[in-house]
């Protein structure tokens, strides 16, 4: 792996506040029909993701499949609002992985509903 590959792989990961878990998100399903060509640029509507969580102390890897669309609907029904933003700019997607800077946007409803905890 060259220098460029190392940098792009690091961009795709995020860590928890205590630096005990490393997170990577892969897009499993997105809506091809809906395109948002607005002032925010070319964005994609995410439906399902695969959350890959690695415990840095034990090197254990856990994979969780999340239906972001379903979580957003559940959040609206139970709490009357949603904080997720399923629209992700195409520049933040590399080989079907979401860049680390967008992880909290996609996981906010799952964390609020205690589906995922760190």
PDB file of N, CA and C in Angstrom:
ATOM      1  N   UNK A   1       0.845  -1.170   0.000  1.00  0.00           N
ATOM      2  CA  UNK A   1       0.000   0.000   0.000  1.00  0.00           C
ATOM      3  C   UNK A   1       0.892   1.234   0.000  1.00  0.00           C
ATOM      4  N   UNK A   2       0.619   2.143  -0.893  1.00  0.00           N
ATOM      5  CA  UNK A   2       1.410   3.358  -0.997  1.00  0.00           C
ATOM      6  C   UNK A   2       0.958   4.424  -0.017  1.00  0.00           C
ATOM      7  N   UNK A   3       1.622   5.537  -0.081  1.00  0.00           N
ATOM      8  CA  UNK A   3       1.326   6.660   0.809  1.00  0.00           C
ATOM      9  C   UNK A   3      -0.100   7.154   0.612  1.00  0.00           C
ATOM     10  N   UNK A   4      -0.553   7.244  -0.619  1.00  0.00           N
ATOM     11  CA  UNK A   4      -1.905   7.716  -0.915  1.00  0.00           C
ATOM     12  C   UNK A   4      -2.956   6.768  -0.338  1.00  0.00           C
ATOM     13  N   UNK A   5      -2.728   5.454  -0.432  1.00  0.00           N
ATOM     14  CA  UNK A   5      -3.651   4.476   0.122  1.00  0.00           C
ATOM     15  C   UNK A   5      -3.752   4.572   1.628  1.00  0.00           C
ATOM     16  N   UNK A   6      -2.636   4.839   2.276  1.00  0.00           N
ATOM     17  CA  UNK A   6      -2.622   4.983   3.732  1.00  0.00           C
ATOM     18  C   UNK A   6      -3.451   6.194   4.147  1.00  0.00           C
ATOM     19  N   UNK A   7      -3.282   7.296   3.458  1.00  0.00           N
ATOM     20  CA  UNK A   7      -4.033   8.498   3.796  1.00  0.00           C
ATOM     21  C   UNK A   7      -5.525   8.301   3.587  1.00  0.00           C
ATOM     22  N   UNK A   8      -5.915   7.681   2.490  1.00  0.00           N
ATOM     23  CA  UNK A   8      -7.337   7.513   2.227  1.00  0.00           C
ATOM     24  C   UNK A   8      -7.966   6.533   3.225  1.00  0.00           C
ATOM     25  N   UNK A   9      -7.234   5.509   3.655  1.00  0.00           N
ATOM     26  CA  UNK A   9      -7.760   4.571   4.638  1.00  0.00           C
ATOM     27  C   UNK A   9      -7.957   5.255   5.990  1.00  0.00           C
ATOM     28  N   UNK A  10      -7.048   6.124   6.369  1.00  0.00           N
ATOM     29  CA  UNK A  10      -7.177   6.861   7.629  1.00  0.00           C
ATOM     30  C   UNK A  10      -8.362   7.829   7.583  1.00  0.00           C
ATOM     31  N   UNK A  11      -8.656   8.372   6.419  1.00  0.00           N
ATOM     32  CA  UNK A  11      -9.788   9.290   6.269  1.00  0.00           C
ATOM     33  C   UNK A  11     -11.122   8.585   6.490  1.00  0.00           C
ATOM     34  N   UNK A  12     -11.169   7.296   6.259  1.00  0.00           N
ATOM     35  CA  UNK A  12     -12.418   6.549   6.345  1.00  0.00           C
ATOM     36  C   UNK A  12     -12.746   6.091   7.757  1.00  0.00           C
ATOM     37  N   UNK A  13     -11.849   6.291   8.704  1.00  0.00           N
ATOM     38  CA  UNK A  13     -12.043   5.804  10.065  1.00  0.00           C
ATOM     39  C   UNK A  13     -12.275   6.950  11.034  1.00  0.00           C
ATOM     40  N   UNK A  14     -13.007   6.640  12.096  1.00  0.00           N
ATOM     41  CA  UNK A  14     -13.157   7.566  13.208  1.00  0.00           C
ATOM     42  C   UNK A  14     -13.003   6.756  14.487  1.00  0.00           C
ATOM     43  N   UNK A  15     -12.781   7.447  15.579  1.00  0.00           N
ATOM     44  CA  UNK A  15     -12.583   6.774  16.869  1.00  0.00           C
ATOM     45  C   UNK A  15     -13.511   7.368  17.909  1.00  0.00           C
ATOM     46  N   UNK A  16     -13.762   6.596  18.965  1.00  0.00           N
ATOM     47  CA  UNK A  16     -14.577   7.122  20.045  1.00  0.00           C
ATOM     48  C   UNK A  16     -13.743   8.082  20.892  1.00  0.00           C
ATOM     49  N   UNK A  17     -14.381   8.746  21.843  1.00  0.00           N
ATOM     50  CA  UNK A  17     -13.714   9.776  22.643  1.00  0.00           C
ATOM     51  C   UNK A  17     -12.586   9.218  23.503  1.00  0.00           C
ATOM     52  N   UNK A  18     -12.696   7.977  23.934  1.00  0.00           N
ATOM     53  CA  UNK A  18     -11.671   7.379  24.795  1.00  0.00           C
ATOM     54  C   UNK A  18     -10.604   6.638  24.005  1.00  0.00           C
ATOM     55  N   UNK A  19     -10.707   6.668  22.689  1.00  0.00           N
ATOM     56  CA  UNK A  19      -9.738   6.032  21.798  1.00  0.00           C
ATOM     57  C   UNK A  19      -9.636   4.523  22.041  1.00  0.00           C
ATOM     58  N   UNK A  20     -10.785   3.906  22.326  1.00  0.00           N
ATOM     59  CA  UNK A  20     -10.820   2.467  22.556  1.00  0.00           C
ATOM     60  C   UNK A  20     -11.450   1.708  21.395  1.00  0.00           C
ATOM     61  N   UNK A  21     -12.226   2.418  20.576  1.00  0.00           N
ATOM     62  CA  UNK A  21     -12.895   1.774  19.451  1.00  0.00           C
ATOM     63  C   UNK A  21     -12.670   2.579  18.182  1.00  0.00           C
ATOM     64  N   UNK A  22     -12.506   1.849  17.108  1.00  0.00           N
ATOM     65  CA  UNK A  22     -12.304   2.446  15.790  1.00  0.00           C
ATOM     66  C   UNK A  22     -13.508   2.086  14.927  1.00  0.00           C
ATOM     67  N   UNK A  23     -14.034   3.054  14.201  1.00  0.00           N
ATOM     68  CA  UNK A  23     -15.279   2.874  13.470  1.00  0.00           C
ATOM     69  C   UNK A  23     -15.053   3.102  11.979  1.00  0.00           C
ATOM     70  N   UNK A  24     -15.700   2.258  11.180  1.00  0.00           N
ATOM     71  CA  UNK A  24     -15.678   2.390   9.732  1.00  0.00           C
ATOM     72  C   UNK A  24     -17.091   2.086   9.241  1.00  0.00           C
ATOM     73  N   UNK A  25     -17.579   2.846   8.264  1.00  0.00           N
ATOM     74  CA  UNK A  25     -18.940   2.661   7.761  1.00  0.00           C
ATOM     75  C   UNK A  25     -18.906   2.370   6.269  1.00  0.00           C
ATOM     76  N   UNK A  26     -19.548   1.254   5.896  1.00  0.00           N
ATOM     77  CA  UNK A  26     -19.667   0.881   4.482  1.00  0.00           C
ATOM     78  C   UNK A  26     -21.124   1.037   4.061  1.00  0.00           C
ATOM     79  N   UNK A  27     -21.348   1.612   2.901  1.00  0.00           N
ATOM     80  CA  UNK A  27     -22.699   1.794   2.377  1.00  0.00           C
ATOM     81  C   UNK A  27     -23.148   0.491   1.724  1.00  0.00           C
ATOM     82  N   UNK A  28     -24.266  -0.045   2.212  1.00  0.00           N
ATOM     83  CA  UNK A  28     -24.829  -1.262   1.632  1.00  0.00           C
ATOM     84  C   UNK A  28     -25.903  -0.948   0.599  1.00  0.00           C
ATOM     85  N   UNK A  29     -26.668   0.111   0.864  1.00  0.00           N
ATOM     86  CA  UNK A  29     -27.756   0.453  -0.047  1.00  0.00           C
ATOM     87  C   UNK A  29     -27.980   1.961  -0.027  1.00  0.00           C
ATOM     88  N   UNK A  30     -28.091   2.529  -1.198  1.00  0.00           N
ATOM     89  CA  UNK A  30     -28.444   3.942  -1.316  1.00  0.00           C
ATOM     90  C   UNK A  30     -29.448   4.096  -2.448  1.00  0.00           C
ATOM     91  N   UNK A  31     -30.168   5.183  -2.439  1.00  0.00           N
ATOM     92  CA  UNK A  31     -31.223   5.397  -3.422  1.00  0.00           C
ATOM     93  C   UNK A  31     -30.632   5.998  -4.684  1.00  0.00           C
ATOM     94  N   UNK A  32     -30.646   5.222  -5.748  1.00  0.00           N
ATOM     95  CA  UNK A  32     -30.091   5.659  -7.031  1.00  0.00           C
ATOM     96  C   UNK A  32     -31.009   6.658  -7.732  1.00  0.00           C
ATOM     97  N   UNK A  33     -32.311   6.533  -7.493  1.00  0.00           N
ATOM     98  CA  UNK A  33     -33.264   7.375  -8.217  1.00  0.00           C
ATOM     99  C   UNK A  33     -33.257   8.814  -7.730  1.00  0.00           C
ATOM    100  N   UNK A  34     -32.998   9.011  -6.441  1.00  0.00           N
ATOM    101  CA  UNK A  34     -33.056  10.356  -5.872  1.00  0.00           C
ATOM    102  C   UNK A  34     -31.668  10.973  -5.887  1.00  0.00           C
ATOM    103  N   UNK A  35     -31.570  12.117  -6.498  1.00  0.00           N
ATOM    104  CA  UNK A  35     -30.306  12.852  -6.526  1.00  0.00           C
ATOM    105  C   UNK A  35     -30.580  14.260  -6.049  1.00  0.00           C
ATOM    106  N   UNK A  36     -29.718  14.762  -5.221  1.00  0.00           N
ATOM    107  CA  UNK A  36     -29.867  16.112  -4.703  1.00  0.00           C
ATOM    108  C   UNK A  36     -28.828  17.008  -5.363  1.00  0.00           C
ATOM    109  N   UNK A  37     -29.231  17.673  -6.413  1.00  0.00           N
ATOM    110  CA  UNK A  37     -28.339  18.619  -7.083  1.00  0.00           C
ATOM    111  C   UNK A  37     -28.736  20.016  -6.614  1.00  0.00           C
ATOM    112  N   UNK A  38     -28.306  20.366  -5.432  1.00  0.00           N
ATOM    113  CA  UNK A  38     -28.682  21.650  -4.858  1.00  0.00           C
ATOM    114  C   UNK A  38     -27.443  22.501  -4.649  1.00  0.00           C
ATOM    115  N   UNK A  39     -27.604  23.529  -3.873  1.00  0.00           N
ATOM    116  CA  UNK A  39     -26.463  24.393  -3.585  1.00  0.00           C
ATOM    117  C   UNK A  39     -25.408  23.667  -2.751  1.00  0.00           C
ATOM    118  N   UNK A  40     -25.778  22.517  -2.189  1.00  0.00           N
ATOM    119  CA  UNK A  40     -24.835  21.738  -1.388  1.00  0.00           C
ATOM    120  C   UNK A  40     -24.016  20.771  -2.226  1.00  0.00           C
ATOM    121  N   UNK A  41     -24.261  20.722  -3.514  1.00  0.00           N
ATOM    122  CA  UNK A  41     -23.502  19.841  -4.392  1.00  0.00           C
ATOM    123  C   UNK A  41     -24.210  18.523  -4.649  1.00  0.00           C
ATOM    124  N   UNK A  42     -23.498  17.595  -5.226  1.00  0.00           N
ATOM    125  CA  UNK A  42     -24.028  16.284  -5.594  1.00  0.00           C
ATOM    126  C   UNK A  42     -24.008  15.382  -4.368  1.00  0.00           C
ATOM    127  N   UNK A  43     -25.195  15.015  -3.860  1.00  0.00           N
ATOM    128  CA  UNK A  43     -25.282  14.192  -2.658  1.00  0.00           C
ATOM    129  C   UNK A  43     -26.085  12.931  -2.927  1.00  0.00           C
ATOM    130  N   UNK A  44     -25.867  11.918  -2.080  1.00  0.00           N
ATOM    131  CA  UNK A  44     -26.509  10.609  -2.214  1.00  0.00           C
ATOM    132  C   UNK A  44     -27.345  10.348  -0.963  1.00  0.00           C
ATOM    133  N   UNK A  45     -28.537   9.760  -1.128  1.00  0.00           N
ATOM    134  CA  UNK A  45     -29.401   9.414  -0.007  1.00  0.00           C
ATOM    135  C   UNK A  45     -29.086   7.987   0.436  1.00  0.00           C
ATOM    136  N   UNK A  46     -28.585   7.823   1.658  1.00  0.00           N
ATOM    137  CA  UNK A  46     -28.172   6.529   2.197  1.00  0.00           C
ATOM    138  C   UNK A  46     -29.373   5.818   2.820  1.00  0.00           C
ATOM    139  N   UNK A  47     -29.506   4.510   2.557  1.00  0.00           N
ATOM    140  CA  UNK A  47     -30.580   3.710   3.142  1.00  0.00           C
ATOM    141  C   UNK A  47     -30.056   2.732   4.194  1.00  0.00           C
ATOM    142  N   UNK A  48     -29.056   1.930   3.841  1.00  0.00           N
ATOM    143  CA  UNK A  48     -28.512   0.926   4.765  1.00  0.00           C
ATOM    144  C   UNK A  48     -26.999   1.034   4.804  1.00  0.00           C
ATOM    145  N   UNK A  49     -26.452   0.797   6.008  1.00  0.00           N
ATOM    146  CA  UNK A  49     -24.997   0.823   6.177  1.00  0.00           C
ATOM    147  C   UNK A  49     -24.543  -0.401   6.962  1.00  0.00           C
ATOM    148  N   UNK A  50     -23.276  -0.704   6.833  1.00  0.00           N
ATOM    149  CA  UNK A  50     -22.629  -1.728   7.644  1.00  0.00           C
ATOM    150  C   UNK A  50     -21.645  -1.000   8.539  1.00  0.00           C
ATOM    151  N   UNK A  51     -21.890  -1.043   9.832  1.00  0.00           N
ATOM    152  CA  UNK A  51     -21.028  -0.391  10.815  1.00  0.00           C
ATOM    153  C   UNK A  51     -19.993  -1.406  11.277  1.00  0.00           C
ATOM    154  N   UNK A  52     -18.727  -1.101  11.067  1.00  0.00           N
ATOM    155  CA  UNK A  52     -17.630  -1.986  11.462  1.00  0.00           C
ATOM    156  C   UNK A  52     -16.922  -1.335  12.640  1.00  0.00           C
ATOM    157  N   UNK A  53     -17.021  -1.971  13.814  1.00  0.00           N
ATOM    158  CA  UNK A  53     -16.438  -1.432  15.036  1.00  0.00           C
ATOM    159  C   UNK A  53     -15.322  -2.358  15.487  1.00  0.00           C
ATOM    160  N   UNK A  54     -14.133  -1.806  15.645  1.00  0.00           N
ATOM    161  CA  UNK A  54     -12.991  -2.587  16.109  1.00  0.00           C
ATOM    162  C   UNK A  54     -12.600  -2.104  17.498  1.00  0.00           C
ATOM    163  N   UNK A  55     -12.597  -3.023  18.459  1.00  0.00           N
ATOM    164  CA  UNK A  55     -12.129  -2.706  19.799  1.00  0.00           C
ATOM    165  C   UNK A  55     -10.606  -2.717  19.758  1.00  0.00           C
ATOM    166  N   UNK A  56      -9.978  -1.587  20.012  1.00  0.00           N
ATOM    167  CA  UNK A  56      -8.529  -1.468  19.875  1.00  0.00           C
ATOM    168  C   UNK A  56      -7.761  -2.185  20.984  1.00  0.00           C
ATOM    169  N   UNK A  57      -8.426  -2.477  22.112  1.00  0.00           N
ATOM    170  CA  UNK A  57      -7.751  -3.176  23.207  1.00  0.00           C
ATOM    171  C   UNK A  57      -7.694  -4.681  22.963  1.00  0.00           C
ATOM    172  N   UNK A  58      -8.777  -5.248  22.430  1.00  0.00           N
ATOM    173  CA  UNK A  58      -8.844  -6.700  22.230  1.00  0.00           C
ATOM    174  C   UNK A  58      -8.714  -7.104  20.762  1.00  0.00           C
ATOM    175  N   UNK A  59      -8.691  -6.140  19.863  1.00  0.00           N
ATOM    176  CA  UNK A  59      -8.628  -6.379  18.410  1.00  0.00           C
ATOM    177  C   UNK A  59      -9.865  -7.119  17.892  1.00  0.00           C
ATOM    178  N   UNK A  60     -10.931  -7.151  18.682  1.00  0.00           N
ATOM    179  CA  UNK A  60     -12.174  -7.796  18.280  1.00  0.00           C
ATOM    180  C   UNK A  60     -12.933  -6.884  17.315  1.00  0.00           C
ATOM    181  N   UNK A  61     -13.474  -7.458  16.247  1.00  0.00           N
ATOM    182  CA  UNK A  61     -14.214  -6.693  15.248  1.00  0.00           C
ATOM    183  C   UNK A  61     -15.679  -7.104  15.288  1.00  0.00           C
ATOM    184  N   UNK A  62     -16.552  -6.101  15.350  1.00  0.00           N
ATOM    185  CA  UNK A  62     -17.993  -6.333  15.380  1.00  0.00           C
ATOM    186  C   UNK A  62     -18.614  -5.625  14.176  1.00  0.00           C
ATOM    187  N   UNK A  63     -19.488  -6.327  13.468  1.00  0.00           N
ATOM    188  CA  UNK A  63     -20.168  -5.748  12.313  1.00  0.00           C
ATOM    189  C   UNK A  63     -21.663  -5.662  12.610  1.00  0.00           C
ATOM    190  N   UNK A  64     -22.226  -4.474  12.404  1.00  0.00           N
ATOM    191  CA  UNK A  64     -23.638  -4.237  12.671  1.00  0.00           C
ATOM    192  C   UNK A  64     -24.268  -3.641  11.417  1.00  0.00           C
ATOM    193  N   UNK A  65     -25.323  -4.276  10.932  1.00  0.00           N
ATOM    194  CA  UNK A  65     -26.041  -3.733   9.775  1.00  0.00           C
ATOM    195  C   UNK A  65     -27.165  -2.839  10.287  1.00  0.00           C
ATOM    196  N   UNK A  66     -27.205  -1.606   9.804  1.00  0.00           N
ATOM    197  CA  UNK A  66     -28.211  -0.649  10.241  1.00  0.00           C
ATOM    198  C   UNK A  66     -29.018  -0.150   9.050  1.00  0.00           C
ATOM    199  N   UNK A  67     -30.327  -0.144   9.220  1.00  0.00           N
ATOM    200  CA  UNK A  67     -31.216   0.447   8.226  1.00  0.00           C
ATOM    201  C   UNK A  67     -31.460   1.890   8.666  1.00  0.00           C
ATOM    202  N   UNK A  68     -30.737   2.819   8.084  1.00  0.00           N
ATOM    203  CA  UNK A  68     -30.789   4.221   8.485  1.00  0.00           C
ATOM    204  C   UNK A  68     -32.174   4.812   8.219  1.00  0.00           C
ATOM    205  N   UNK A  69     -32.784   4.418   7.130  1.00  0.00           N
ATOM    206  CA  UNK A  69     -34.118   4.920   6.791  1.00  0.00           C
ATOM    207  C   UNK A  69     -35.138   4.493   7.848  1.00  0.00           C
ATOM    208  N   UNK A  70     -35.076   3.237   8.272  1.00  0.00           N
ATOM    209  CA  UNK A  70     -35.990   2.728   9.296  1.00  0.00           C
ATOM    210  C   UNK A  70     -35.750   3.424  10.641  1.00  0.00           C
ATOM    211  N   UNK A  71     -34.488   3.630  10.999  1.00  0.00           N
ATOM    212  CA  UNK A  71     -34.170   4.320  12.249  1.00  0.00           C
ATOM    213  C   UNK A  71     -34.680   5.758  12.233  1.00  0.00           C
ATOM    214  N   UNK A  72     -34.561   6.415  11.101  1.00  0.00           N
ATOM    215  CA  UNK A  72     -35.047   7.790  10.987  1.00  0.00           C
ATOM    216  C   UNK A  72     -36.564   7.838  11.168  1.00  0.00           C
ATOM    217  N   UNK A  73     -37.284   6.908  10.547  1.00  0.00           N
ATOM    218  CA  UNK A  73     -38.744   6.855  10.690  1.00  0.00           C
ATOM    219  C   UNK A  73     -39.151   6.530  12.120  1.00  0.00           C
ATOM    220  N   UNK A  74     -38.439   5.613  12.752  1.00  0.00           N
ATOM    221  CA  UNK A  74     -38.722   5.256  14.151  1.00  0.00           C
ATOM    222  C   UNK A  74     -38.477   6.445  15.074  1.00  0.00           C
ATOM    223  N   UNK A  75     -37.415   7.183  14.814  1.00  0.00           N
ATOM    224  CA  UNK A  75     -37.085   8.350  15.626  1.00  0.00           C
ATOM    225  C   UNK A  75     -38.161   9.427  15.483  1.00  0.00           C
ATOM    226  N   UNK A  76     -38.641   9.638  14.275  1.00  0.00           N
ATOM    227  CA  UNK A  76     -39.701  10.629  14.059  1.00  0.00           C
ATOM    228  C   UNK A  76     -40.984  10.226  14.780  1.00  0.00           C
ATOM    229  N   UNK A  77     -41.281   8.916  14.777  1.00  0.00           N
ATOM    230  CA  UNK A  77     -42.501   8.428  15.409  1.00  0.00           C
ATOM    231  C   UNK A  77     -42.410   8.527  16.936  1.00  0.00           C
ATOM    232  N   UNK A  78     -41.283   8.138  17.522  1.00  0.00           N
ATOM    233  CA  UNK A  78     -41.142   8.104  18.977  1.00  0.00           C
ATOM    234  C   UNK A  78     -40.792   9.456  19.586  1.00  0.00           C
ATOM    235  N   UNK A  79     -39.992  10.222  18.896  1.00  0.00           N
ATOM    236  CA  UNK A  79     -39.491  11.463  19.495  1.00  0.00           C
ATOM    237  C   UNK A  79     -39.932  12.722  18.751  1.00  0.00           C
ATOM    238  N   UNK A  80     -40.666  12.559  17.677  1.00  0.00           N
ATOM    239  CA  UNK A  80     -41.205  13.666  16.883  1.00  0.00           C
ATOM    240  C   UNK A  80     -40.160  14.478  16.129  1.00  0.00           C
ATOM    241  N   UNK A  81     -38.938  14.039  16.110  1.00  0.00           N
ATOM    242  CA  UNK A  81     -37.898  14.729  15.348  1.00  0.00           C
ATOM    243  C   UNK A  81     -36.817  13.721  15.004  1.00  0.00           C
ATOM    244  N   UNK A  82     -35.929  14.107  14.133  1.00  0.00           N
ATOM    245  CA  UNK A  82     -34.778  13.277  13.813  1.00  0.00           C
ATOM    246  C   UNK A  82     -33.571  14.177  13.653  1.00  0.00           C
ATOM    247  N   UNK A  83     -32.435  13.664  14.029  1.00  0.00           N
ATOM    248  CA  UNK A  83     -31.220  14.473  13.931  1.00  0.00           C
ATOM    249  C   UNK A  83     -30.263  13.941  12.875  1.00  0.00           C
ATOM    250  N   UNK A  84     -30.644  12.867  12.216  1.00  0.00           N
ATOM    251  CA  UNK A  84     -29.727  12.304  11.223  1.00  0.00           C
ATOM    252  C   UNK A  84     -29.808  13.060   9.908  1.00  0.00           C
ATOM    253  N   UNK A  85     -28.766  12.953   9.163  1.00  0.00           N
ATOM    254  CA  UNK A  85     -28.736  13.518   7.826  1.00  0.00           C
ATOM    255  C   UNK A  85     -28.240  12.416   6.907  1.00  0.00           C
ATOM    256  N   UNK A  86     -29.176  11.780   6.210  1.00  0.00           N
ATOM    257  CA  UNK A  86     -28.824  10.653   5.345  1.00  0.00           C
ATOM    258  C   UNK A  86     -28.248  11.094   4.015  1.00  0.00           C
ATOM    259  N   UNK A  87     -28.228  12.385   3.752  1.00  0.00           N
ATOM    260  CA  UNK A  87     -27.640  12.889   2.517  1.00  0.00           C
ATOM    261  C   UNK A  87     -26.144  13.048   2.710  1.00  0.00           C
ATOM    262  N   UNK A  88     -25.366  12.320   1.939  1.00  0.00           N
ATOM    263  CA  UNK A  88     -23.902  12.366   2.041  1.00  0.00           C
ATOM    264  C   UNK A  88     -23.334  12.829   0.699  1.00  0.00           C
ATOM    265  N   UNK A  89     -22.462  13.836   0.710  1.00  0.00           N
ATOM    266  CA  UNK A  89     -21.837  14.274  -0.550  1.00  0.00           C
ATOM    267  C   UNK A  89     -21.006  13.154  -1.175  1.00  0.00           C
ATOM    268  N   UNK A  90     -21.040  13.069  -2.496  1.00  0.00           N
ATOM    269  CA  UNK A  90     -20.281  12.031  -3.202  1.00  0.00           C
ATOM    270  C   UNK A  90     -18.784  12.110  -2.913  1.00  0.00           C
ATOM    271  N   UNK A  91     -18.272  13.294  -2.641  1.00  0.00           N
ATOM    272  CA  UNK A  91     -16.833  13.425  -2.374  1.00  0.00           C
ATOM    273  C   UNK A  91     -16.451  12.781  -1.045  1.00  0.00           C
ATOM    274  N   UNK A  92     -17.426  12.539  -0.151  1.00  0.00           N
ATOM    275  CA  UNK A  92     -17.160  11.895   1.136  1.00  0.00           C
ATOM    276  C   UNK A  92     -17.326  10.382   1.078  1.00  0.00           C
ATOM    277  N   UNK A  93     -17.500   9.828  -0.119  1.00  0.00           N
ATOM    278  CA  UNK A  93     -17.638   8.381  -0.297  1.00  0.00           C
ATOM    279  C   UNK A  93     -16.469   7.887  -1.133  1.00  0.00           C
ATOM    280  N   UNK A  94     -15.720   6.936  -0.567  1.00  0.00           N
ATOM    281  CA  UNK A  94     -14.576   6.335  -1.257  1.00  0.00           C
ATOM    282  C   UNK A  94     -14.752   4.822  -1.251  1.00  0.00           C
ATOM    283  N   UNK A  95     -14.900   4.212  -2.417  1.00  0.00           N
ATOM    284  CA  UNK A  95     -15.070   2.756  -2.550  1.00  0.00           C
ATOM    285  C   UNK A  95     -16.192   2.224  -1.660  1.00  0.00           C
ATOM    286  N   UNK A  96     -17.315   2.913  -1.633  1.00  0.00           N
ATOM    287  CA  UNK A  96     -18.493   2.574  -0.822  1.00  0.00           C
ATOM    288  C   UNK A  96     -18.274   2.714   0.679  1.00  0.00           C
ATOM    289  N   UNK A  97     -17.224   3.363   1.113  1.00  0.00           N
ATOM    290  CA  UNK A  97     -17.005   3.674   2.519  1.00  0.00           C
ATOM    291  C   UNK A  97     -17.196   5.168   2.731  1.00  0.00           C
ATOM    292  N   UNK A  98     -17.811   5.538   3.854  1.00  0.00           N
ATOM    293  CA  UNK A  98     -18.074   6.938   4.179  1.00  0.00           C
ATOM    294  C   UNK A  98     -16.888   7.492   4.951  1.00  0.00           C
ATOM    295  N   UNK A  99     -16.482   8.713   4.630  1.00  0.00           N
ATOM    296  CA  UNK A  99     -15.343   9.320   5.327  1.00  0.00           C
ATOM    297  C   UNK A  99     -15.685   9.541   6.800  1.00  0.00           C
ATOM    298  N   UNK A 100     -14.672   9.526   7.641  1.00  0.00           N
ATOM    299  CA  UNK A 100     -14.843   9.621   9.085  1.00  0.00           C
ATOM    300  C   UNK A 100     -15.562  10.872   9.546  1.00  0.00           C
ATOM    301  N   UNK A 101     -15.457  11.949   8.797  1.00  0.00           N
ATOM    302  CA  UNK A 101     -16.100  13.205   9.194  1.00  0.00           C
ATOM    303  C   UNK A 101     -17.626  13.133   9.113  1.00  0.00           C
ATOM    304  N   UNK A 102     -18.176  12.167   8.420  1.00  0.00           N
ATOM    305  CA  UNK A 102     -19.632  12.024   8.257  1.00  0.00           C
ATOM    306  C   UNK A 102     -20.242  10.942   9.153  1.00  0.00           C
ATOM    307  N   UNK A 103     -19.448  10.255   9.949  1.00  0.00           N
ATOM    308  CA  UNK A 103     -19.959   9.152  10.764  1.00  0.00           C
ATOM    309  C   UNK A 103     -21.024   9.599  11.760  1.00  0.00           C
ATOM    310  N   UNK A 104     -20.802  10.704  12.460  1.00  0.00           N
ATOM    311  CA  UNK A 104     -21.777  11.136  13.466  1.00  0.00           C
ATOM    312  C   UNK A 104     -23.105  11.532  12.836  1.00  0.00           C
ATOM    313  N   UNK A 105     -23.085  12.066  11.615  1.00  0.00           N
ATOM    314  CA  UNK A 105     -24.337  12.416  10.939  1.00  0.00           C
ATOM    315  C   UNK A 105     -25.187  11.176  10.691  1.00  0.00           C
ATOM    316  N   UNK A 106     -24.547  10.100  10.253  1.00  0.00           N
ATOM    317  CA  UNK A 106     -25.290   8.883   9.928  1.00  0.00           C
ATOM    318  C   UNK A 106     -25.705   8.091  11.168  1.00  0.00           C
ATOM    319  N   UNK A 107     -24.939   8.190  12.248  1.00  0.00           N
ATOM    320  CA  UNK A 107     -25.194   7.368  13.433  1.00  0.00           C
ATOM    321  C   UNK A 107     -25.987   8.075  14.531  1.00  0.00           C
ATOM    322  N   UNK A 108     -26.334   9.329  14.366  1.00  0.00           N
ATOM    323  CA  UNK A 108     -26.951  10.094  15.451  1.00  0.00           C
ATOM    324  C   UNK A 108     -28.267   9.483  15.937  1.00  0.00           C
ATOM    325  N   UNK A 109     -29.145   9.045  15.038  1.00  0.00           N
ATOM    326  CA  UNK A 109     -30.411   8.438  15.460  1.00  0.00           C
ATOM    327  C   UNK A 109     -30.190   7.083  16.122  1.00  0.00           C
ATOM    328  N   UNK A 110     -29.275   6.280  15.605  1.00  0.00           N
ATOM    329  CA  UNK A 110     -28.987   4.967  16.189  1.00  0.00           C
ATOM    330  C   UNK A 110     -28.444   5.115  17.608  1.00  0.00           C
ATOM    331  N   UNK A 111     -27.627   6.119  17.834  1.00  0.00           N
ATOM    332  CA  UNK A 111     -27.088   6.362  19.177  1.00  0.00           C
ATOM    333  C   UNK A 111     -28.193   6.861  20.101  1.00  0.00           C
ATOM    334  N   UNK A 112     -29.054   7.758  19.616  1.00  0.00           N
ATOM    335  CA  UNK A 112     -30.144   8.296  20.432  1.00  0.00           C
ATOM    336  C   UNK A 112     -31.146   7.219  20.834  1.00  0.00           C
ATOM    337  N   UNK A 113     -31.368   6.238  19.984  1.00  0.00           N
ATOM    338  CA  UNK A 113     -32.307   5.151  20.285  1.00  0.00           C
ATOM    339  C   UNK A 113     -31.634   3.965  20.971  1.00  0.00           C
ATOM    340  N   UNK A 114     -30.376   4.107  21.328  1.00  0.00           N
ATOM    341  CA  UNK A 114     -29.587   3.058  21.992  1.00  0.00           C
ATOM    342  C   UNK A 114     -29.477   1.786  21.161  1.00  0.00           C
ATOM    343  N   UNK A 115     -29.510   1.913  19.856  1.00  0.00           N
ATOM    344  CA  UNK A 115     -29.285   0.776  18.968  1.00  0.00           C
ATOM    345  C   UNK A 115     -27.792   0.483  18.916  1.00  0.00           C
ATOM    346  N   UNK A 116     -26.994   1.536  18.961  1.00  0.00           N
ATOM    347  CA  UNK A 116     -25.538   1.439  18.952  1.00  0.00           C
ATOM    348  C   UNK A 116     -25.020   2.207  20.155  1.00  0.00           C
ATOM    349  N   UNK A 117     -24.059   1.634  20.859  1.00  0.00           N
ATOM    350  CA  UNK A 117     -23.446   2.355  21.981  1.00  0.00           C
ATOM    351  C   UNK A 117     -21.943   2.171  21.927  1.00  0.00           C
ATOM    352  N   UNK A 118     -21.249   3.189  22.355  1.00  0.00           N
ATOM    353  CA  UNK A 118     -19.786   3.149  22.341  1.00  0.00           C
ATOM    354  C   UNK A 118     -19.246   3.328  23.736  1.00  0.00           C
TER     355      UNK A 118
END
